Amino acid sequence: MASQLARCLKMSVMDITKMFALLKPEEDKEDLEESRELHLAVAMDNPQYLDFLLSDEKYKKYLNSRSGWGVPVTPLRLAASKGSLECLKILLTSGAEVDILDVKAQTPLFAAVSAGHFDCVRELLKAGASPSGSVYNNGSPVLTSAREGNFSILKELLEYGADPNVKCKFPEWPASNTISTGPLYLSAVYGHLECFRTLLFYGADPNYNCMDDKILHRIKQPKSVLDVCLKHGCRTSFIKLLIDYGANVYLPDLNFAKSFSNREAVELLSREKVHPKSLMSQCRLTILKLLRQARKTHLIEQLEIPQTIIKYLMHQT
């Protein structure tokens, strides 16, 4: 142990430089300058210079090249993470690959979502980026925006078809983690009410936020979203939304729930257990289900019906 520590202390600056050099992508010297210039234009957020460079064919062929020290990235990935909207637009117009992966298997969209750049997220989605990110990455844009409470980005992803019940990509054996880290669970635990409401509106399962029966059957006592909300002391408005969206009020053990801090929520659930849902509430659930099946949820405000009914369908009353 002591000898290993001594060797570490003797490590020279040259050794460390060599280590960082291993992380740098191999490029021909002739190619290096063009690639660097594209990245520099984006790093400086200089769309005019970037546009000038890409008017030359010799630069255009490096449009999807990875460059930079440490973790090499493409110009599009860099623009997305920095929020350089005009540079991002130019790169997309010039033919940059919209879902190109970095060394972490993250797409430019994932980078924009993680950094909270709504305009870049919208532009990438308009250009055809997958709202689900990469299948090779453990995270997802929806999970990230739900955890961070970025309601506008989350809504945009869902409108472009992202799955509101997306699961973390854990190995199969920790099945309980797979269902307890869905976007609905995350938005509840972190207290993001608007994200929670939006996920439910776009079809998140109000019971387990997991549509995989095989996973549910492997867990002795899976915790419903209601259980999670009660355990973490979520506001009563979270519980009410779950009830309105058809959550099974018989799943939580209210005898156990009585030890939780939100007494109002426990009392609300107790009352709901003895009162069947109204016909009006059942109709709302059915209409929303049909709209989701037709992928027309985003058009709900354009229905030729009274505004009061639209608000009721959107749970705004």
C-alpha atoms as a PDB file:
ATOM      1  CA  MET A   1       0.000   0.000   0.000  1.00  0.00           C
ATOM      2  CA  ALA A   2       2.810   2.373   0.980  1.00  0.00           C
ATOM      3  CA  SER A   3       4.762   1.601  -2.204  1.00  0.00           C
ATOM      4  CA  GLN A   4       1.677   2.314  -4.336  1.00  0.00           C
ATOM      5  CA  LEU A   5       1.227   5.665  -2.607  1.00  0.00           C
ATOM      6  CA  ALA A   6       4.877   6.516  -3.174  1.00  0.00           C
ATOM      7  CA  ARG A   7       4.566   5.775  -6.889  1.00  0.00           C
ATOM      8  CA  CYS A   8       1.518   8.054  -7.098  1.00  0.00           C
ATOM      9  CA  LEU A   9       3.364  10.901  -5.384  1.00  0.00           C
ATOM     10  CA  LYS A  10       6.272  10.546  -7.818  1.00  0.00           C
ATOM     11  CA  MET A  11       3.985  10.870 -10.819  1.00  0.00           C
ATOM     12  CA  SER A  12       5.267  13.702 -12.983  1.00  0.00           C
ATOM     13  CA  VAL A  13       3.301  16.397 -14.795  1.00  0.00           C
ATOM     14  CA  MET A  14       4.338  14.696 -18.032  1.00  0.00           C
ATOM     15  CA  ASP A  15       2.650  11.445 -16.874  1.00  0.00           C
ATOM     16  CA  ILE A  16      -0.606  13.289 -16.185  1.00  0.00           C
ATOM     17  CA  THR A  17      -0.419  15.005 -19.572  1.00  0.00           C
ATOM     18  CA  LYS A  18      -0.047  11.614 -21.252  1.00  0.00           C
ATOM     19  CA  MET A  19      -3.109  10.338 -19.388  1.00  0.00           C
ATOM     20  CA  PHE A  20      -5.267  13.217 -20.619  1.00  0.00           C
ATOM     21  CA  ALA A  21      -3.882  12.725 -24.121  1.00  0.00           C
ATOM     22  CA  LEU A  22      -5.394   9.241 -24.131  1.00  0.00           C
ATOM     23  CA  LEU A  23      -8.844  10.806 -23.791  1.00  0.00           C
ATOM     24  CA  LYS A  24      -8.331  12.984 -26.837  1.00  0.00           C
ATOM     25  CA  PRO A  25      -9.639  11.545 -30.123  1.00  0.00           C
ATOM     26  CA  GLU A  26      -7.094  10.666 -32.773  1.00  0.00           C
ATOM     27  CA  GLU A  27      -7.253  13.011 -35.722  1.00  0.00           C
ATOM     28  CA  ASP A  28      -4.995  13.730 -38.632  1.00  0.00           C
ATOM     29  CA  LYS A  29      -3.155  17.031 -38.327  1.00  0.00           C
ATOM     30  CA  GLU A  30      -4.738  18.231 -41.556  1.00  0.00           C
ATOM     31  CA  ASP A  31      -8.214  17.535 -40.193  1.00  0.00           C
ATOM     32  CA  LEU A  32      -7.611  18.929 -36.727  1.00  0.00           C
ATOM     33  CA  GLU A  33      -7.718  22.605 -37.648  1.00  0.00           C
ATOM     34  CA  GLU A  34     -11.066  22.456 -39.486  1.00  0.00           C
ATOM     35  CA  SER A  35     -12.683  20.436 -36.712  1.00  0.00           C
ATOM     36  CA  ARG A  36     -11.380  22.799 -34.042  1.00  0.00           C
ATOM     37  CA  GLU A  37     -12.642  25.866 -35.882  1.00  0.00           C
ATOM     38  CA  LEU A  38     -16.201  24.510 -35.996  1.00  0.00           C
ATOM     39  CA  HIS A  39     -16.115  23.755 -32.291  1.00  0.00           C
ATOM     40  CA  LEU A  40     -14.578  27.137 -31.530  1.00  0.00           C
ATOM     41  CA  ALA A  41     -17.347  28.962 -33.410  1.00  0.00           C
ATOM     42  CA  VAL A  42     -19.977  27.129 -31.339  1.00  0.00           C
ATOM     43  CA  ALA A  43     -18.058  27.545 -28.071  1.00  0.00           C
ATOM     44  CA  MET A  44     -17.905  31.307 -28.730  1.00  0.00           C
ATOM     45  CA  ASP A  45     -21.628  31.270 -29.661  1.00  0.00           C
ATOM     46  CA  ASN A  46     -20.752  32.973 -32.938  1.00  0.00           C
ATOM     47  CA  PRO A  47     -23.394  31.919 -35.501  1.00  0.00           C
ATOM     48  CA  GLN A  48     -22.061  34.297 -38.170  1.00  0.00           C
ATOM     49  CA  TYR A  49     -18.612  32.732 -38.075  1.00  0.00           C
ATOM     50  CA  LEU A  50     -20.101  29.229 -37.973  1.00  0.00           C
ATOM     51  CA  ASP A  51     -22.259  29.982 -41.007  1.00  0.00           C
ATOM     52  CA  PHE A  52     -19.209  31.345 -42.825  1.00  0.00           C
ATOM     53  CA  LEU A  53     -17.218  28.186 -42.088  1.00  0.00           C
ATOM     54  CA  LEU A  54     -19.976  25.853 -43.219  1.00  0.00           C
ATOM     55  CA  SER A  55     -20.282  27.666 -46.524  1.00  0.00           C
ATOM     56  CA  ASP A  56     -16.957  25.997 -47.325  1.00  0.00           C
ATOM     57  CA  GLU A  57     -17.166  22.281 -48.209  1.00  0.00           C
ATOM     58  CA  LYS A  58     -13.887  21.496 -46.480  1.00  0.00           C
ATOM     59  CA  TYR A  59     -15.477  22.397 -43.126  1.00  0.00           C
ATOM     60  CA  LYS A  60     -18.821  20.772 -43.858  1.00  0.00           C
ATOM     61  CA  LYS A  61     -17.332  17.291 -43.894  1.00  0.00           C
ATOM     62  CA  TYR A  62     -16.426  17.734 -40.203  1.00  0.00           C
ATOM     63  CA  LEU A  63     -19.993  18.616 -39.254  1.00  0.00           C
ATOM     64  CA  ASN A  64     -20.358  15.456 -37.128  1.00  0.00           C
ATOM     65  CA  SER A  65     -16.774  15.195 -35.938  1.00  0.00           C
ATOM     66  CA  ARG A  66     -16.032  14.835 -32.235  1.00  0.00           C
ATOM     67  CA  SER A  67     -13.432  17.117 -30.781  1.00  0.00           C
ATOM     68  CA  GLY A  68     -12.247  18.674 -27.530  1.00  0.00           C
ATOM     69  CA  TRP A  69     -10.219  17.587 -24.526  1.00  0.00           C
ATOM     70  CA  GLY A  70     -11.602  15.130 -22.021  1.00  0.00           C
ATOM     71  CA  VAL A  71     -14.954  13.987 -23.392  1.00  0.00           C
ATOM     72  CA  PRO A  72     -15.008  14.751 -27.146  1.00  0.00           C
ATOM     73  CA  VAL A  73     -18.311  16.079 -28.489  1.00  0.00           C
ATOM     74  CA  THR A  74     -19.803  17.058 -31.830  1.00  0.00           C
ATOM     75  CA  PRO A  75     -20.582  20.721 -32.634  1.00  0.00           C
ATOM     76  CA  LEU A  76     -24.323  19.968 -32.302  1.00  0.00           C
ATOM     77  CA  ARG A  77     -23.864  18.361 -28.877  1.00  0.00           C
ATOM     78  CA  LEU A  78     -21.849  21.396 -27.791  1.00  0.00           C
ATOM     79  CA  ALA A  79     -24.467  23.863 -29.048  1.00  0.00           C
ATOM     80  CA  ALA A  80     -27.252  21.923 -27.299  1.00  0.00           C
ATOM     81  CA  SER A  81     -25.455  21.823 -23.947  1.00  0.00           C
ATOM     82  CA  LYS A  82     -24.486  25.519 -24.116  1.00  0.00           C
ATOM     83  CA  GLY A  83     -27.900  26.694 -25.276  1.00  0.00           C
ATOM     84  CA  SER A  84     -26.474  28.259 -28.437  1.00  0.00           C
ATOM     85  CA  LEU A  85     -29.765  28.269 -30.330  1.00  0.00           C
ATOM     86  CA  GLU A  86     -28.676  30.073 -33.509  1.00  0.00           C
ATOM     87  CA  CYS A  87     -25.597  27.868 -33.871  1.00  0.00           C
ATOM     88  CA  LEU A  88     -27.773  24.823 -33.315  1.00  0.00           C
ATOM     89  CA  LYS A  89     -30.174  25.925 -36.064  1.00  0.00           C
ATOM     90  CA  ILE A  90     -27.306  26.449 -38.508  1.00  0.00           C
ATOM     91  CA  LEU A  91     -25.844  23.022 -37.742  1.00  0.00           C
ATOM     92  CA  LEU A  92     -29.203  21.316 -38.251  1.00  0.00           C
ATOM     93  CA  THR A  93     -29.837  23.185 -41.503  1.00  0.00           C
ATOM     94  CA  SER A  94     -26.375  22.166 -42.701  1.00  0.00           C
ATOM     95  CA  GLY A  95     -27.194  18.490 -42.140  1.00  0.00           C
ATOM     96  CA  ALA A  96     -25.842  17.687 -38.672  1.00  0.00           C
ATOM     97  CA  GLU A  97     -26.977  14.265 -37.449  1.00  0.00           C
ATOM     98  CA  VAL A  98     -29.749  15.087 -34.984  1.00  0.00           C
ATOM     99  CA  ASP A  99     -29.461  11.990 -32.760  1.00  0.00           C
ATOM    100  CA  ILE A 100     -25.703  11.476 -32.917  1.00  0.00           C
ATOM    101  CA  LEU A 101     -24.344   9.926 -29.697  1.00  0.00           C
ATOM    102  CA  ASP A 102     -21.446  11.088 -27.564  1.00  0.00           C
ATOM    103  CA  VAL A 103     -19.171   8.700 -25.661  1.00  0.00           C
ATOM    104  CA  LYS A 104     -21.781   8.490 -22.878  1.00  0.00           C
ATOM    105  CA  ALA A 105     -24.464   7.429 -25.378  1.00  0.00           C
ATOM    106  CA  GLN A 106     -26.244  10.761 -24.850  1.00  0.00           C
ATOM    107  CA  THR A 107     -27.987  12.555 -27.700  1.00  0.00           C
ATOM    108  CA  PRO A 108     -27.860  16.336 -28.244  1.00  0.00           C
ATOM    109  CA  LEU A 109     -31.495  16.430 -27.062  1.00  0.00           C
ATOM    110  CA  PHE A 110     -30.544  14.776 -23.775  1.00  0.00           C
ATOM    111  CA  ALA A 111     -27.795  17.376 -23.340  1.00  0.00           C
ATOM    112  CA  ALA A 112     -30.238  20.238 -23.981  1.00  0.00           C
ATOM    113  CA  VAL A 113     -32.785  18.764 -21.545  1.00  0.00           C
ATOM    114  CA  SER A 114     -30.141  18.259 -18.851  1.00  0.00           C
ATOM    115  CA  ALA A 115     -29.001  21.870 -19.206  1.00  0.00           C
ATOM    116  CA  GLY A 116     -32.588  23.178 -19.251  1.00  0.00           C
ATOM    117  CA  HIS A 117     -32.447  24.863 -22.672  1.00  0.00           C
ATOM    118  CA  PHE A 118     -36.089  24.789 -23.777  1.00  0.00           C
ATOM    119  CA  ASP A 119     -35.593  26.540 -27.142  1.00  0.00           C
ATOM    120  CA  CYS A 120     -32.874  24.065 -28.125  1.00  0.00           C
ATOM    121  CA  VAL A 121     -35.065  21.162 -27.036  1.00  0.00           C
ATOM    122  CA  ARG A 122     -37.929  22.421 -29.194  1.00  0.00           C
ATOM    123  CA  GLU A 123     -35.671  22.978 -32.206  1.00  0.00           C
ATOM    124  CA  LEU A 124     -34.163  19.490 -31.946  1.00  0.00           C
ATOM    125  CA  LEU A 125     -37.605  17.885 -31.656  1.00  0.00           C
ATOM    126  CA  LYS A 126     -38.821  19.844 -34.688  1.00  0.00           C
ATOM    127  CA  ALA A 127     -35.791  18.504 -36.567  1.00  0.00           C
ATOM    128  CA  GLY A 128     -36.803  14.917 -35.774  1.00  0.00           C
ATOM    129  CA  ALA A 129     -34.838  14.133 -32.612  1.00  0.00           C
ATOM    130  CA  SER A 130     -36.146  11.151 -30.674  1.00  0.00           C
ATOM    131  CA  PRO A 131     -37.979  12.466 -27.567  1.00  0.00           C
ATOM    132  CA  SER A 132     -36.906   9.288 -25.772  1.00  0.00           C
ATOM    133  CA  GLY A 133     -33.175   9.865 -26.208  1.00  0.00           C
ATOM    134  CA  SER A 134     -30.917   6.871 -26.792  1.00  0.00           C
ATOM    135  CA  VAL A 135     -31.750   3.252 -25.966  1.00  0.00           C
ATOM    136  CA  TYR A 136     -28.082   2.807 -25.012  1.00  0.00           C
ATOM    137  CA  ASN A 137     -28.193   5.419 -22.241  1.00  0.00           C
ATOM    138  CA  ASN A 138     -29.461   4.654 -18.729  1.00  0.00           C
ATOM    139  CA  GLY A 139     -31.178   8.020 -18.390  1.00  0.00           C
ATOM    140  CA  SER A 140     -33.899   9.574 -20.497  1.00  0.00           C
ATOM    141  CA  PRO A 141     -35.063  13.118 -21.291  1.00  0.00           C
ATOM    142  CA  VAL A 142     -38.446  12.507 -19.605  1.00  0.00           C
ATOM    143  CA  LEU A 143     -36.897  11.164 -16.380  1.00  0.00           C
ATOM    144  CA  THR A 144     -34.450  14.068 -16.273  1.00  0.00           C
ATOM    145  CA  SER A 145     -37.045  16.801 -16.812  1.00  0.00           C
ATOM    146  CA  ALA A 146     -39.447  15.182 -14.299  1.00  0.00           C
ATOM    147  CA  ARG A 147     -36.721  15.014 -11.658  1.00  0.00           C
ATOM    148  CA  GLU A 148     -35.561  18.584 -12.292  1.00  0.00           C
ATOM    149  CA  GLY A 149     -39.114  19.950 -12.387  1.00  0.00           C
ATOM    150  CA  ASN A 150     -38.763  21.466 -15.850  1.00  0.00           C
ATOM    151  CA  PHE A 151     -42.437  21.508 -16.749  1.00  0.00           C
ATOM    152  CA  SER A 152     -42.170  23.263 -20.148  1.00  0.00           C
ATOM    153  CA  ILE A 153     -39.519  20.835 -21.433  1.00  0.00           C
ATOM    154  CA  LEU A 154     -41.404  17.821 -20.082  1.00  0.00           C
ATOM    155  CA  LYS A 155     -44.617  18.940 -21.802  1.00  0.00           C
ATOM    156  CA  GLU A 156     -42.781  19.452 -25.095  1.00  0.00           C
ATOM    157  CA  LEU A 157     -41.270  15.952 -24.924  1.00  0.00           C
ATOM    158  CA  LEU A 158     -44.642  14.377 -24.199  1.00  0.00           C
ATOM    159  CA  GLU A 159     -46.317  16.281 -27.029  1.00  0.00           C
ATOM    160  CA  TYR A 160     -43.737  14.786 -29.385  1.00  0.00           C
ATOM    161  CA  GLY A 161     -44.605  11.279 -28.234  1.00  0.00           C
ATOM    162  CA  ALA A 162     -42.257  10.542 -25.321  1.00  0.00           C
ATOM    163  CA  ASP A 163     -43.418   7.718 -23.034  1.00  0.00           C
ATOM    164  CA  PRO A 164     -44.802   9.091 -19.710  1.00  0.00           C
ATOM    165  CA  ASN A 165     -44.201   5.653 -18.142  1.00  0.00           C
ATOM    166  CA  VAL A 166     -40.565   5.305 -19.186  1.00  0.00           C
ATOM    167  CA  LYS A 167     -38.424   3.177 -16.849  1.00  0.00           C
ATOM    168  CA  CYS A 168     -34.833   3.549 -15.750  1.00  0.00           C
ATOM    169  CA  LYS A 169     -32.640   0.955 -17.453  1.00  0.00           C
ATOM    170  CA  PHE A 170     -31.559  -0.996 -14.388  1.00  0.00           C
ATOM    171  CA  PRO A 171     -30.514  -4.666 -14.582  1.00  0.00           C
ATOM    172  CA  GLU A 172     -33.471  -7.031 -14.238  1.00  0.00           C
ATOM    173  CA  TRP A 173     -32.778  -8.140 -10.665  1.00  0.00           C
ATOM    174  CA  PRO A 174     -33.549  -4.851  -8.811  1.00  0.00           C
ATOM    175  CA  ALA A 175     -37.136  -4.826 -10.072  1.00  0.00           C
ATOM    176  CA  SER A 176     -38.428  -2.605  -7.241  1.00  0.00           C
ATOM    177  CA  ASN A 177     -36.073   0.179  -8.362  1.00  0.00           C
ATOM    178  CA  THR A 178     -37.380  -0.143 -11.909  1.00  0.00           C
ATOM    179  CA  ILE A 179     -40.918   0.840 -10.945  1.00  0.00           C
ATOM    180  CA  SER A 180     -40.128   3.232  -8.091  1.00  0.00           C
ATOM    181  CA  THR A 181     -38.016   5.580 -10.194  1.00  0.00           C
ATOM    182  CA  GLY A 182     -40.467   6.335 -12.989  1.00  0.00           C
ATOM    183  CA  PRO A 183     -41.150   9.963 -13.933  1.00  0.00           C
ATOM    184  CA  LEU A 184     -44.396  10.139 -11.926  1.00  0.00           C
ATOM    185  CA  TYR A 185     -42.618   8.879  -8.791  1.00  0.00           C
ATOM    186  CA  LEU A 186     -39.761  11.343  -9.289  1.00  0.00           C
ATOM    187  CA  SER A 187     -41.996  14.378  -9.806  1.00  0.00           C
ATOM    188  CA  ALA A 188     -43.934  13.440  -6.644  1.00  0.00           C
ATOM    189  CA  VAL A 189     -40.890  12.858  -4.446  1.00  0.00           C
ATOM    190  CA  TYR A 190     -39.289  16.137  -5.573  1.00  0.00           C
ATOM    191  CA  GLY A 191     -42.571  18.043  -5.204  1.00  0.00           C
ATOM    192  CA  HIS A 192     -42.994  19.125  -8.838  1.00  0.00           C
ATOM    193  CA  LEU A 193     -46.788  19.427  -9.046  1.00  0.00           C
ATOM    194  CA  GLU A 194     -47.022  20.774 -12.626  1.00  0.00           C
ATOM    195  CA  CYS A 195     -44.800  17.981 -13.917  1.00  0.00           C
ATOM    196  CA  PHE A 196     -46.895  15.490 -11.979  1.00  0.00           C
ATOM    197  CA  ARG A 197     -50.118  16.898 -13.464  1.00  0.00           C
ATOM    198  CA  THR A 198     -48.664  16.912 -16.999  1.00  0.00           C
ATOM    199  CA  LEU A 199     -47.484  13.304 -16.804  1.00  0.00           C
ATOM    200  CA  LEU A 200     -50.918  12.142 -15.683  1.00  0.00           C
ATOM    201  CA  PHE A 201     -52.600  14.159 -18.435  1.00  0.00           C
ATOM    202  CA  TYR A 202     -50.418  12.479 -21.071  1.00  0.00           C
ATOM    203  CA  GLY A 203     -51.108   8.980 -19.788  1.00  0.00           C
ATOM    204  CA  ALA A 204     -48.810   8.154 -16.876  1.00  0.00           C
ATOM    205  CA  ASP A 205     -50.211   5.182 -14.963  1.00  0.00           C
ATOM    206  CA  PRO A 206     -51.656   6.616 -11.703  1.00  0.00           C
ATOM    207  CA  ASN A 207     -51.158   3.334  -9.847  1.00  0.00           C
ATOM    208  CA  TYR A 208     -47.573   2.145 -10.368  1.00  0.00           C
ATOM    209  CA  ASN A 209     -46.176   4.294 -13.202  1.00  0.00           C
ATOM    210  CA  CYS A 210     -45.185   0.941 -14.689  1.00  0.00           C
ATOM    211  CA  MET A 211     -47.021  -0.927 -17.440  1.00  0.00           C
ATOM    212  CA  ASP A 212     -44.967  -4.119 -17.204  1.00  0.00           C
ATOM    213  CA  ASP A 213     -46.961  -6.873 -15.445  1.00  0.00           C
ATOM    214  CA  LYS A 214     -43.912  -9.149 -15.318  1.00  0.00           C
ATOM    215  CA  ILE A 215     -42.031  -6.616 -13.178  1.00  0.00           C
ATOM    216  CA  LEU A 216     -45.004  -6.033 -10.871  1.00  0.00           C
ATOM    217  CA  HIS A 217     -45.479  -9.761 -10.296  1.00  0.00           C
ATOM    218  CA  ARG A 218     -41.848 -10.148  -9.231  1.00  0.00           C
ATOM    219  CA  ILE A 219     -42.291  -7.737  -6.310  1.00  0.00           C
ATOM    220  CA  LYS A 220     -44.010  -8.997  -3.149  1.00  0.00           C
ATOM    221  CA  GLN A 221     -45.450  -5.635  -2.111  1.00  0.00           C
ATOM    222  CA  PRO A 222     -45.023  -3.044  -4.860  1.00  0.00           C
ATOM    223  CA  LYS A 223     -45.596   0.525  -3.683  1.00  0.00           C
ATOM    224  CA  SER A 224     -48.189   2.476  -5.619  1.00  0.00           C
ATOM    225  CA  VAL A 225     -47.801   6.162  -6.441  1.00  0.00           C
ATOM    226  CA  LEU A 226     -50.357   6.877  -3.683  1.00  0.00           C
ATOM    227  CA  ASP A 227     -48.134   4.991  -1.207  1.00  0.00           C
ATOM    228  CA  VAL A 228     -45.113   7.018  -2.298  1.00  0.00           C
ATOM    229  CA  CYS A 229     -46.977  10.338  -2.020  1.00  0.00           C
ATOM    230  CA  LEU A 230     -48.195   9.509   1.493  1.00  0.00           C
ATOM    231  CA  LYS A 231     -44.788   8.286   2.633  1.00  0.00           C
ATOM    232  CA  HIS A 232     -43.005  11.416   1.416  1.00  0.00           C
ATOM    233  CA  GLY A 233     -45.623  13.800   2.788  1.00  0.00           C
ATOM    234  CA  CYS A 234     -46.645  15.166  -0.607  1.00  0.00           C
ATOM    235  CA  ARG A 235     -49.255  17.919  -0.655  1.00  0.00           C
ATOM    236  CA  THR A 236     -52.900  16.885  -0.789  1.00  0.00           C
ATOM    237  CA  SER A 237     -53.111  18.261  -4.339  1.00  0.00           C
ATOM    238  CA  PHE A 238     -50.927  15.316  -5.489  1.00  0.00           C
ATOM    239  CA  ILE A 239     -53.342  12.834  -3.900  1.00  0.00           C
ATOM    240  CA  LYS A 240     -56.364  14.587  -5.392  1.00  0.00           C
ATOM    241  CA  LEU A 241     -54.859  14.477  -8.884  1.00  0.00           C
ATOM    242  CA  LEU A 242     -54.205  10.746  -8.583  1.00  0.00           C
ATOM    243  CA  ILE A 243     -57.798  10.169  -7.509  1.00  0.00           C
ATOM    244  CA  ASP A 244     -59.119  12.338 -10.369  1.00  0.00           C
ATOM    245  CA  TYR A 245     -57.030  10.350 -12.867  1.00  0.00           C
ATOM    246  CA  GLY A 246     -58.462   7.051 -11.697  1.00  0.00           C
ATOM    247  CA  ALA A 247     -55.878   5.769  -9.186  1.00  0.00           C
ATOM    248  CA  ASN A 248     -56.978   2.707  -7.233  1.00  0.00           C
ATOM    249  CA  VAL A 249     -57.707   4.156  -3.774  1.00  0.00           C
ATOM    250  CA  TYR A 250     -57.735   0.656  -2.254  1.00  0.00           C
ATOM    251  CA  LEU A 251     -54.030   0.024  -2.912  1.00  0.00           C
ATOM    252  CA  PRO A 252     -52.573   1.928   0.083  1.00  0.00           C
ATOM    253  CA  ASP A 253     -52.882   0.439   3.568  1.00  0.00           C
ATOM    254  CA  LEU A 254     -54.509   3.335   5.406  1.00  0.00           C
ATOM    255  CA  ASN A 255     -53.858   1.748   8.815  1.00  0.00           C
ATOM    256  CA  PHE A 256     -50.168   2.047   8.028  1.00  0.00           C
ATOM    257  CA  ALA A 257     -50.698   5.440   6.346  1.00  0.00           C
ATOM    258  CA  LYS A 258     -52.074   6.938   9.549  1.00  0.00           C
ATOM    259  CA  SER A 259     -48.507   7.314  10.775  1.00  0.00           C
ATOM    260  CA  PHE A 260     -47.700   9.700   7.919  1.00  0.00           C
ATOM    261  CA  SER A 261     -47.652  13.466   8.321  1.00  0.00           C
ATOM    262  CA  ASN A 262     -50.341  14.551   5.839  1.00  0.00           C
ATOM    263  CA  ARG A 263     -53.516  13.807   7.764  1.00  0.00           C
ATOM    264  CA  GLU A 264     -55.650  15.690   5.237  1.00  0.00           C
ATOM    265  CA  ALA A 265     -54.527  13.361   2.442  1.00  0.00           C
ATOM    266  CA  VAL A 266     -55.240  10.240   4.511  1.00  0.00           C
ATOM    267  CA  GLU A 267     -58.733  11.529   5.338  1.00  0.00           C
ATOM    268  CA  LEU A 268     -59.355  12.312   1.654  1.00  0.00           C
ATOM    269  CA  LEU A 269     -58.467   8.742   0.696  1.00  0.00           C
ATOM    270  CA  SER A 270     -60.683   7.370   3.461  1.00  0.00           C
ATOM    271  CA  ARG A 271     -63.657   9.326   2.106  1.00  0.00           C
ATOM    272  CA  GLU A 272     -62.965   8.256  -1.494  1.00  0.00           C
ATOM    273  CA  LYS A 273     -63.044   4.595  -0.507  1.00  0.00           C
ATOM    274  CA  VAL A 274     -66.735   4.839   0.367  1.00  0.00           C
ATOM    275  CA  HIS A 275     -67.803   7.177  -2.456  1.00  0.00           C
ATOM    276  CA  PRO A 276     -67.932   5.857  -6.053  1.00  0.00           C
ATOM    277  CA  LYS A 277     -66.702   8.133  -8.827  1.00  0.00           C
ATOM    278  CA  SER A 278     -69.296  10.391 -10.411  1.00  0.00           C
ATOM    279  CA  LEU A 279     -70.509   9.728 -13.952  1.00  0.00           C
ATOM    280  CA  MET A 280     -68.959  13.041 -15.013  1.00  0.00           C
ATOM    281  CA  SER A 281     -65.560  11.965 -13.692  1.00  0.00           C
ATOM    282  CA  GLN A 282     -65.823   8.595 -15.448  1.00  0.00           C
ATOM    283  CA  CYS A 283     -66.674  10.340 -18.736  1.00  0.00           C
ATOM    284  CA  ARG A 284     -63.605  12.564 -18.388  1.00  0.00           C
ATOM    285  CA  LEU A 285     -61.334   9.569 -17.926  1.00  0.00           C
ATOM    286  CA  THR A 286     -62.847   7.842 -20.967  1.00  0.00           C
ATOM    287  CA  ILE A 287     -62.519  10.909 -23.214  1.00  0.00           C
ATOM    288  CA  LEU A 288     -58.881  11.415 -22.221  1.00  0.00           C
ATOM    289  CA  LYS A 289     -58.132   7.743 -22.834  1.00  0.00           C
ATOM    290  CA  LEU A 290     -59.605   7.928 -26.343  1.00  0.00           C
ATOM    291  CA  LEU A 291     -57.664  11.118 -27.124  1.00  0.00           C
ATOM    292  CA  ARG A 292     -54.415   9.453 -26.050  1.00  0.00           C
ATOM    293  CA  GLN A 293     -55.118   6.391 -28.166  1.00  0.00           C
ATOM    294  CA  ALA A 294     -55.657   8.666 -31.179  1.00  0.00           C
ATOM    295  CA  ARG A 295     -52.515  10.685 -30.242  1.00  0.00           C
ATOM    296  CA  LYS A 296     -54.633  13.847 -30.197  1.00  0.00           C
ATOM    297  CA  THR A 297     -54.202  14.903 -26.572  1.00  0.00           C
ATOM    298  CA  HIS A 298     -52.369  18.072 -27.580  1.00  0.00           C
ATOM    299  CA  LEU A 299     -55.417  19.175 -29.599  1.00  0.00           C
ATOM    300  CA  ILE A 300     -57.829  19.082 -26.677  1.00  0.00           C
ATOM    301  CA  GLU A 301     -58.067  22.879 -26.448  1.00  0.00           C
ATOM    302  CA  GLN A 302     -59.241  22.985 -30.073  1.00  0.00           C
ATOM    303  CA  LEU A 303     -62.353  20.882 -29.422  1.00  0.00           C
ATOM    304  CA  GLU A 304     -65.569  22.675 -30.358  1.00  0.00           C
ATOM    305  CA  ILE A 305     -67.067  22.426 -26.893  1.00  0.00           C
ATOM    306  CA  PRO A 306     -67.600  25.012 -24.120  1.00  0.00           C
ATOM    307  CA  GLN A 307     -64.427  26.301 -22.471  1.00  0.00           C
ATOM    308  CA  THR A 308     -65.645  25.170 -19.065  1.00  0.00           C
ATOM    309  CA  ILE A 309     -65.749  21.552 -20.281  1.00  0.00           C
ATOM    310  CA  ILE A 310     -62.269  21.857 -21.821  1.00  0.00           C
ATOM    311  CA  LYS A 311     -60.965  23.094 -18.466  1.00  0.00           C
ATOM    312  CA  TYR A 312     -62.667  20.207 -16.716  1.00  0.00           C
ATOM    313  CA  LEU A 313     -61.112  17.698 -19.151  1.00  0.00           C
ATOM    314  CA  MET A 314     -57.703  19.251 -18.461  1.00  0.00           C
ATOM    315  CA  HIS A 315     -58.248  19.124 -14.685  1.00  0.00           C
ATOM    316  CA  GLN A 316     -58.034  22.899 -14.418  1.00  0.00           C
ATOM    317  CA  THR A 317     -61.120  23.324 -12.230  1.00  0.00           C
END
